Every structure is written in structure tokens, then in C-alpha cells.
Amino acid sequence: MVSSLLQVENEVAPGEPMPSAPLQAALPRMALIPIVEDRVFLRGLRTEALVGVYEHERIVPQPLVIDLEIGLANFRSCFSDDLADAVDYEKVAETIHGIAGESRTQLLEALAQRIASAVLANFDAKWVQVDIVKPAIIPEAEVVGVSIKRARSYSRREAR
């Protein structure tokens, strides 16, 4: 779990002098708010998809490497130690492989959007970042890819 403190007001940059005593007394106390955000991630998930604009990319499945980061909507699993309260990495990977295997998109952006939408719809995610790399597609470049980040939209009923 990532936890830190955020200074909300009266922040003084490192190396800056503190305000004088009378000014400090006139300023409201600094508020410290804990920031808690849990994430799960998959790195370097290898899969294949028929994705590309050019004909040769649409005949033979193209190798892809996918990184996924999911911002969790809750952190129950930290206390319950129960997979039912967690995002199941294996199911996420199966979802990605299924979407990639059925892909007939021209653009990596479209494939990334389909993956992001599926993760937001099927897993307890506040947001998801999908990075897709298509290795060795341009000889002069080590990798080419896309990165998208999407957040779940909540209805008014869900937000309550």
C-alpha cells in the first residue's frame, strides 16, 4: 500500500526561509491529509493480436507486450487476505489474452481502449493504465507503442 502525507496549505519549499513568527501566528495550521492509493499491476504480459494498418500486420498475429496498472477502488484485501476481495491477476491476464486474440483493430489505441474498458467493467478498478508495445515494428526504434489511462465513470447512485 502506498501511503504518504500531503501538505495542503502553508507549504514552504525546501531551502526557503520560514515566515516570521508574527506571520506564522496569523497563518492557519498546516493540514496533513493521508493519501492512500493501492494499485496492482502486470508488467511484460506477452500476447499476440491481428493489429495494424498494413496488410501483412493483418494476416499474421503481431507480438505485443502489455503493461497494465489498476488503481483499486478499495483495499479490503489488505485486511482480509482473501482473493475474493482482490483483483485476480490471472483473470485480468486471461481477459487481456481474450481481447487480443479476438482483435481485428488497425490501431494499438483501439486495442488499448478495449482492454481498459473491460478492466473497468469487470474488475474493482477506479482507473486503469494500459501500455502496449509492438516490438521490432520499426527497425530504427527499440519499441513503438501507446499508453492510455482511463477512469471509471460513476453514476450518481454508485457515488453515494
Protein backbone atom coordinates (compact mmCIF):
# COMPACT_ATOMS: atom_id res chain seq x y z
CA MET A 1 0.00 0.00 0.00
CA VAL A 2 1.34 3.41 -0.94
CA SER A 3 0.81 6.00 1.80
CA SER A 4 2.18 9.49 2.17
CA LEU A 5 1.26 12.86 3.59
CA LEU A 6 0.23 15.82 1.51
CA GLN A 7 0.76 19.33 2.80
CA VAL A 8 -2.36 21.25 1.88
CA GLU A 9 -1.56 24.81 2.86
CA ASN A 10 1.37 26.96 4.05
CA GLU A 11 3.82 24.76 2.21
CA VAL A 12 7.38 26.08 2.32
CA ALA A 13 9.74 24.91 -0.40
CA PRO A 14 13.00 23.28 0.71
CA GLY A 15 15.67 25.92 1.31
CA GLU A 16 13.10 28.71 1.65
CA PRO A 17 13.10 30.66 4.93
CA MET A 18 10.17 30.13 7.27
CA PRO A 19 7.82 33.12 7.64
CA SER A 20 8.44 35.39 10.60
CA ALA A 21 6.84 34.46 13.96
CA PRO A 22 4.04 37.07 13.69
CA LEU A 23 3.23 35.88 10.17
CA GLN A 24 3.32 32.22 11.26
CA ALA A 25 0.85 33.03 14.06
CA ALA A 26 -1.50 34.66 11.56
CA LEU A 27 -1.43 31.66 9.21
CA PRO A 28 -3.75 28.72 9.83
CA ARG A 29 -2.14 25.45 10.89
CA MET A 30 -0.84 23.20 8.14
CA ALA A 31 -3.29 20.42 7.36
CA LEU A 32 -1.89 16.95 6.74
CA ILE A 33 -4.08 14.62 4.75
CA PRO A 34 -3.08 10.97 4.34
CA ILE A 35 -3.09 9.77 0.75
CA VAL A 36 -3.93 6.12 0.31
CA GLU A 37 -3.97 4.54 -3.10
CA ASP A 38 -3.45 0.89 -3.81
CA ARG A 39 -2.53 -0.43 -7.22
CA VAL A 40 -1.98 -3.79 -8.82
CA PHE A 41 -0.01 -4.24 -11.99
CA LEU A 42 1.02 -6.68 -14.66
CA ARG A 43 4.28 -5.98 -16.43
CA GLY A 44 5.55 -7.53 -19.64
CA LEU A 45 2.48 -9.63 -20.47
CA ARG A 46 3.24 -11.17 -23.85
CA THR A 47 0.40 -11.82 -26.26
CA GLU A 48 -0.40 -11.66 -29.96
CA ALA A 49 -3.07 -9.87 -31.97
CA LEU A 50 -4.07 -9.11 -35.52
CA VAL A 51 -3.47 -5.40 -35.20
CA GLY A 52 -2.10 -2.98 -37.73
CA VAL A 53 -2.84 -0.82 -40.71
CA TYR A 54 -0.72 -2.71 -43.22
CA GLU A 55 -1.91 -5.90 -44.88
CA HIS A 56 0.97 -8.03 -43.59
CA GLU A 57 0.08 -6.99 -40.00
CA ARG A 58 -3.49 -8.18 -40.51
CA ILE A 59 -2.58 -11.64 -41.82
CA VAL A 60 -0.08 -12.83 -39.20
CA PRO A 61 -0.67 -12.11 -35.49
CA GLN A 62 1.69 -9.42 -34.22
CA PRO A 63 3.62 -9.90 -30.97
CA LEU A 64 2.65 -7.41 -28.26
CA VAL A 65 3.92 -6.66 -24.77
CA ILE A 66 1.36 -5.17 -22.40
CA ASP A 67 1.84 -3.39 -19.08
CA LEU A 68 -1.26 -2.75 -17.04
CA GLU A 69 -1.71 -0.76 -13.85
CA ILE A 70 -5.02 -0.77 -11.98
CA GLY A 71 -5.99 1.76 -9.31
CA LEU A 72 -8.07 -0.15 -6.78
CA ALA A 73 -11.47 1.10 -5.70
CA ASN A 74 -10.95 -0.41 -2.23
CA PHE A 75 -8.27 -2.05 -0.14
CA ARG A 76 -10.30 -4.75 1.63
CA SER A 77 -7.89 -7.46 0.50
CA CYS A 78 -5.09 -5.86 2.55
CA PHE A 79 -7.01 -6.77 5.69
CA SER A 80 -9.00 -9.84 4.66
CA ASP A 81 -6.17 -11.66 2.85
CA ASP A 82 -8.94 -13.12 0.68
CA LEU A 83 -8.73 -13.40 -3.12
CA ALA A 84 -12.47 -12.66 -3.32
CA ASP A 85 -11.65 -9.11 -2.12
CA ALA A 86 -8.77 -8.63 -4.56
CA VAL A 87 -8.22 -8.19 -8.27
CA ASP A 88 -7.31 -11.66 -9.57
CA TYR A 89 -4.21 -11.16 -11.74
CA GLU A 90 -4.81 -14.41 -13.60
CA LYS A 91 -8.34 -13.35 -14.61
CA VAL A 92 -7.02 -9.97 -15.74
CA ALA A 93 -4.37 -11.69 -17.88
CA GLU A 94 -7.00 -14.08 -19.33
CA THR A 95 -9.19 -11.08 -20.18
CA ILE A 96 -6.32 -9.35 -21.98
CA HIS A 97 -5.38 -12.51 -23.92
CA GLY A 98 -9.02 -12.98 -24.93
CA ILE A 99 -9.40 -9.41 -26.19
CA ALA A 100 -6.06 -9.54 -28.03
CA GLY A 101 -6.92 -12.90 -29.59
CA GLU A 102 -10.19 -11.54 -30.97
CA SER A 103 -8.68 -8.21 -32.05
CA ARG A 104 -9.07 -7.01 -35.58
CA THR A 105 -8.20 -3.38 -34.83
CA GLN A 106 -6.00 -1.27 -37.01
CA LEU A 107 -4.61 0.84 -34.18
CA LEU A 108 -3.00 -0.04 -30.86
CA GLU A 109 -5.03 2.80 -29.37
CA ALA A 110 -8.27 0.99 -30.17
CA LEU A 111 -6.97 -2.26 -28.67
CA ALA A 112 -5.81 -0.41 -25.54
CA GLN A 113 -9.27 1.16 -25.20
CA ARG A 114 -10.96 -2.24 -25.41
CA ILE A 115 -8.67 -3.59 -22.70
CA ALA A 116 -9.22 -0.56 -20.47
CA SER A 117 -13.00 -0.75 -20.88
CA ALA A 118 -13.03 -4.46 -19.99
CA VAL A 119 -10.89 -3.95 -16.89
CA LEU A 120 -13.08 -1.07 -15.67
CA ALA A 121 -16.25 -3.06 -16.32
CA ASN A 122 -15.17 -6.39 -14.85
CA PHE A 123 -12.76 -5.64 -12.03
CA ASP A 124 -12.91 -3.39 -8.96
CA ALA A 125 -10.91 -0.57 -10.56
CA LYS A 126 -11.10 3.21 -10.14
CA TRP A 127 -8.79 3.68 -13.09
CA VAL A 128 -6.56 1.69 -15.40
CA GLN A 129 -3.45 2.48 -17.41
CA VAL A 130 -2.73 0.30 -20.43
CA ASP A 131 0.64 0.41 -22.17
CA ILE A 132 1.01 -1.66 -25.35
CA VAL A 133 4.35 -2.13 -27.08
CA LYS A 134 4.74 -3.55 -30.55
CA PRO A 135 8.38 -4.67 -30.61
CA ALA A 136 10.56 -4.54 -33.71
CA ILE A 137 7.94 -2.89 -35.91
CA ILE A 138 10.25 -0.02 -36.89
CA PRO A 139 13.85 -1.19 -37.35
CA GLU A 140 15.37 2.08 -36.10
CA ALA A 141 13.26 2.06 -32.90
CA GLU A 142 13.64 -0.31 -29.98
CA VAL A 143 9.89 -0.28 -29.38
CA VAL A 144 6.78 1.51 -30.57
CA GLY A 145 3.65 1.70 -28.50
CA VAL A 146 0.79 3.54 -26.88
CA SER A 147 -0.22 4.37 -23.34
CA ILE A 148 -3.74 5.29 -22.25
CA LYS A 149 -5.23 5.96 -18.84
CA ARG A 150 -8.98 5.74 -18.24
CA ALA A 151 -11.09 6.26 -15.14
CA ARG A 152 -14.35 4.66 -14.19
CA SER A 153 -17.36 6.92 -14.50
CA TYR A 154 -19.76 6.54 -11.63
CA SER A 155 -23.48 7.10 -11.77
CA ARG A 156 -24.93 9.29 -9.04
CA ARG A 157 -26.37 6.19 -7.37
CA GLU A 158 -22.94 4.43 -7.29
CA ALA A 159 -21.20 7.51 -5.90
CA ARG A 160 -23.39 7.53 -2.79
